């Protein structure tokens, strides 16, 4: 299994993603964490397409809403990509769209077979943790039913054994909600990684590394 989990895009460790993936090629861009914000959806896609193209990748948008109740078709589609890129947004909305499309079953199987690399940031990273409780401080579960038609799910995919708190001391979190989440996890003894926008968690086979930038906390 190969995972690249960050707070914001490549963090300060793009070299580690490049090492996991090899030569840049096709990448499946999954932007469904933004499904509750239709006016921002296209701009969110563009904001990831541009840096990926700049690095030599060929991004193709995969909208999980096109695969509702079609997990076999989704598996066939995703298996054609060496890299899956799952952007940030609302973690609960992303979890719901994974459930509706069957991606929550499809991707773990593909990763177990080492068929591709999963790169996710913010919501895309939090999704792979054991549990989403606590993230409601920053992400609104109330956006799930209007956007997805189902109730929020509070379990993550469980592909890593720590919860992830992104955007520590980040300008993208001006109210400090993520700092509050991390403080609560520390107080409750919950195993977690608190990531600045430079920090990254890399899983390569049986090895898991937390890469902290010199300026990170």
Protein backbone atom coordinates (compact mmCIF):
# COMPACT_ATOMS: atom_id res chain seq x y z
CA UNK A 1 0.00 0.00 0.00
CA UNK A 2 1.31 3.44 -0.97
CA UNK A 3 -0.22 6.56 0.58
CA UNK A 4 0.77 10.23 0.55
CA UNK A 5 -1.36 12.12 3.08
CA UNK A 6 -0.89 15.83 3.62
CA UNK A 7 -2.50 18.91 5.06
CA UNK A 8 -2.24 20.92 1.86
CA UNK A 9 -1.36 19.50 -1.53
CA UNK A 10 2.28 18.37 -1.69
CA UNK A 11 3.33 19.95 1.59
CA UNK A 12 7.10 20.41 1.62
CA UNK A 13 7.72 16.85 0.47
CA UNK A 14 6.79 16.49 -3.20
CA UNK A 15 9.94 14.41 -3.66
CA UNK A 16 8.38 11.63 -1.58
CA UNK A 17 5.26 11.55 -3.74
CA UNK A 18 7.45 11.41 -6.84
CA UNK A 19 9.35 8.49 -5.32
CA UNK A 20 6.10 6.59 -4.69
CA UNK A 21 4.64 7.23 -8.13
CA UNK A 22 7.63 7.23 -10.45
CA UNK A 23 7.40 9.15 -13.71
CA UNK A 24 4.43 11.56 -13.83
CA UNK A 25 1.49 10.25 -15.83
CA UNK A 26 -2.28 10.09 -15.63
CA UNK A 27 -3.88 11.02 -12.33
CA UNK A 28 -7.50 10.63 -11.26
CA UNK A 29 -8.55 13.85 -9.55
CA UNK A 30 -11.45 13.28 -7.12
CA UNK A 31 -12.95 16.62 -5.99
CA UNK A 32 -16.10 15.35 -4.26
CA UNK A 33 -15.24 16.87 -0.90
CA UNK A 34 -16.48 20.09 -2.54
CA UNK A 35 -19.90 18.74 -3.57
CA UNK A 36 -21.74 20.87 -1.01
CA UNK A 37 -20.35 24.00 -2.66
CA UNK A 38 -21.52 23.88 -6.31
CA UNK A 39 -20.52 27.49 -7.01
CA UNK A 40 -16.93 26.65 -6.02
CA UNK A 41 -16.65 23.18 -7.54
CA UNK A 42 -15.16 24.09 -10.92
CA UNK A 43 -12.67 26.51 -9.40
CA UNK A 44 -11.62 23.88 -6.86
CA UNK A 45 -10.91 21.42 -9.66
CA UNK A 46 -8.88 23.99 -11.56
CA UNK A 47 -6.87 24.86 -8.48
CA UNK A 48 -5.57 21.28 -8.39
CA UNK A 49 -5.33 20.68 -12.12
CA UNK A 50 -2.90 23.57 -12.60
CA UNK A 51 -0.18 22.47 -10.12
CA UNK A 52 -0.48 18.83 -11.20
CA UNK A 53 -0.02 19.76 -14.85
CA UNK A 54 2.91 21.99 -13.94
CA UNK A 55 4.65 18.92 -12.51
CA UNK A 56 4.03 16.88 -15.65
CA UNK A 57 0.90 14.97 -14.66
CA UNK A 58 -2.19 14.53 -16.80
CA UNK A 59 -5.14 15.01 -14.44
CA UNK A 60 -8.59 13.68 -15.31
CA UNK A 61 -11.55 14.52 -13.08
CA UNK A 62 -13.41 11.51 -11.70
CA UNK A 63 -16.74 12.58 -10.21
CA UNK A 64 -17.96 9.90 -7.79
CA UNK A 65 -21.53 11.05 -8.38
CA UNK A 66 -21.27 9.43 -11.82
CA UNK A 67 -20.69 6.04 -10.15
CA UNK A 68 -23.44 5.88 -7.53
CA UNK A 69 -24.27 2.19 -6.98
CA UNK A 70 -21.73 1.24 -9.66
CA UNK A 71 -18.69 0.00 -7.70
CA UNK A 72 -17.57 -2.43 -10.41
CA UNK A 73 -17.47 0.33 -13.01
CA UNK A 74 -15.65 2.60 -10.57
CA UNK A 75 -13.07 -0.10 -9.84
CA UNK A 76 -12.44 -0.56 -13.56
CA UNK A 77 -12.06 3.19 -14.04
CA UNK A 78 -9.71 3.81 -11.11
CA UNK A 79 -7.54 0.78 -11.89
CA UNK A 80 -6.45 2.52 -15.09
CA UNK A 81 -4.69 5.27 -13.12
CA UNK A 82 -1.31 4.98 -11.38
CA UNK A 83 -2.23 7.84 -9.02
CA UNK A 84 -5.43 8.94 -7.30
CA UNK A 85 -5.51 12.56 -6.06
CA UNK A 86 -8.25 13.35 -3.53
CA UNK A 87 -8.52 17.02 -2.69
CA UNK A 88 -9.75 18.76 0.44
CA UNK A 89 -13.16 20.14 1.31
CA UNK A 90 -15.74 18.69 3.70
CA UNK A 91 -14.57 15.32 5.05
CA UNK A 92 -18.11 14.16 5.82
CA UNK A 93 -19.35 14.94 2.32
CA UNK A 94 -16.37 13.09 0.85
CA UNK A 95 -17.04 10.08 3.11
CA UNK A 96 -20.66 10.01 1.99
CA UNK A 97 -19.74 10.09 -1.69
CA UNK A 98 -17.25 7.28 -1.14
CA UNK A 99 -20.08 5.24 0.41
CA UNK A 100 -22.59 6.00 -2.35
CA UNK A 101 -20.18 5.03 -5.13
CA UNK A 102 -18.58 2.09 -3.37
CA UNK A 103 -15.19 3.81 -3.42
CA UNK A 104 -14.85 2.99 0.28
CA UNK A 105 -14.64 -0.69 -0.75
CA UNK A 106 -12.99 -0.32 -4.15
CA UNK A 107 -9.99 1.81 -3.17
CA UNK A 108 -8.85 -0.31 -0.20
CA UNK A 109 -8.80 -3.36 -2.47
CA UNK A 110 -6.80 -1.54 -5.15
CA UNK A 111 -4.38 -0.25 -2.53
CA UNK A 112 -3.98 -3.70 -0.97
CA UNK A 113 -3.03 -4.99 -4.43
CA UNK A 114 -0.57 -2.08 -4.81
CA UNK A 115 -2.35 -1.18 -8.05
CA UNK A 116 -1.99 2.58 -7.52
CA UNK A 117 -0.86 5.37 -5.21
CA UNK A 118 -3.39 7.30 -3.12
CA UNK A 119 -2.54 10.95 -2.51
CA UNK A 120 -4.98 12.96 -0.44
CA UNK A 121 -4.84 16.27 1.36
CA UNK A 122 -6.99 17.76 4.12
CA UNK A 123 -10.34 15.93 3.79
CA UNK A 124 -8.69 13.52 1.37
CA UNK A 125 -6.21 12.56 4.09
CA UNK A 126 -8.66 12.56 7.01
CA UNK A 127 -10.87 10.12 5.10
CA UNK A 128 -8.36 7.28 5.53
CA UNK A 129 -8.27 7.46 9.34
CA UNK A 130 -10.20 5.17 11.71
CA UNK A 131 -12.75 7.71 12.92
CA UNK A 132 -14.07 11.14 11.91
CA UNK A 133 -15.41 12.22 15.29
CA UNK A 134 -13.96 15.56 16.29
CA UNK A 135 -13.70 16.90 12.76
CA UNK A 136 -17.17 18.41 13.06
CA UNK A 137 -15.47 21.38 14.73
CA UNK A 138 -14.08 22.31 11.29
CA UNK A 139 -16.32 20.45 8.80
CA UNK A 140 -20.11 20.65 8.94
CA UNK A 141 -21.85 17.23 8.90
CA UNK A 142 -25.07 19.11 8.16
CA UNK A 143 -23.89 19.61 4.58
CA UNK A 144 -24.06 15.88 3.87
CA UNK A 145 -27.78 15.28 3.47
CA UNK A 146 -28.43 18.24 1.11
CA UNK A 147 -25.40 17.34 -1.02
CA UNK A 148 -25.53 13.54 -0.92
CA UNK A 149 -29.03 12.50 0.14
CA UNK A 150 -27.82 10.30 3.00
CA UNK A 151 -26.92 10.79 6.64
CA UNK A 152 -23.31 11.50 7.67
CA UNK A 153 -21.04 8.54 8.38
CA UNK A 154 -18.58 8.89 11.22
CA UNK A 155 -16.19 6.07 10.41
CA UNK A 156 -13.14 6.59 8.22
CA UNK A 157 -11.68 3.95 5.92
CA UNK A 158 -9.21 2.84 8.59
CA UNK A 159 -6.18 2.55 6.31
CA UNK A 160 -3.97 4.35 8.83
CA UNK A 161 -4.14 3.92 12.60
CA UNK A 162 -4.00 7.59 13.65
CA UNK A 163 -6.50 10.35 13.09
CA UNK A 164 -5.25 13.31 11.07
CA UNK A 165 -5.72 16.98 11.96
CA UNK A 166 -4.66 19.21 9.05
CA UNK A 167 -3.97 22.95 8.78
CA UNK A 168 -2.24 23.47 12.12
CA UNK A 169 -1.30 27.17 12.40
CA UNK A 170 -2.37 27.66 8.79
CA UNK A 171 -3.82 30.77 7.15
CA UNK A 172 -6.48 28.45 5.72
CA UNK A 173 -7.79 27.99 9.28
CA UNK A 174 -8.02 31.58 10.58
CA UNK A 175 -10.24 30.65 13.53
CA UNK A 176 -7.85 27.96 14.76
CA UNK A 177 -10.46 25.18 14.60
CA UNK A 178 -7.85 22.55 13.77
CA UNK A 179 -5.68 23.59 16.70
CA UNK A 180 -8.74 23.10 18.91
CA UNK A 181 -9.34 19.61 17.47
CA UNK A 182 -5.71 18.62 18.08
CA UNK A 183 -5.86 19.95 21.65
CA UNK A 184 -8.98 17.90 22.32
CA UNK A 185 -7.37 14.76 20.91
CA UNK A 186 -4.30 15.31 23.10
CA UNK A 187 -6.45 15.79 26.18
CA UNK A 188 -8.47 12.65 25.41
CA UNK A 189 -5.41 10.54 24.58
CA UNK A 190 -6.50 9.99 20.97
CA UNK A 191 -3.67 8.90 18.69
CA UNK A 192 -3.36 11.47 15.93
CA UNK A 193 -1.05 13.35 13.61
CA UNK A 194 -1.37 17.15 13.77
CA UNK A 195 -0.05 18.43 10.44
CA UNK A 196 1.02 21.86 9.37
CA UNK A 197 0.59 22.63 5.68
CA UNK A 198 4.21 21.51 5.15
CA UNK A 199 3.89 18.12 6.88
CA UNK A 200 3.13 14.77 5.26
CA UNK A 201 2.42 11.17 6.28
CA UNK A 202 3.86 8.61 3.86
CA UNK A 203 2.95 4.92 3.86
CA UNK A 204 5.08 2.67 1.66
CA UNK A 205 4.34 -0.98 2.22
CA UNK A 206 4.77 -1.77 5.91
CA UNK A 207 6.55 1.50 6.66
CA UNK A 208 4.75 4.64 7.89
CA UNK A 209 6.63 7.93 8.21
CA UNK A 210 5.58 11.29 9.58
CA UNK A 211 7.57 13.94 7.73
CA UNK A 212 7.77 17.15 9.71
CA UNK A 213 9.22 20.22 8.05
CA UNK A 214 11.84 22.20 9.99
CA UNK A 215 9.27 24.95 10.54
CA UNK A 216 6.58 22.43 11.53
CA UNK A 217 5.30 21.89 15.03
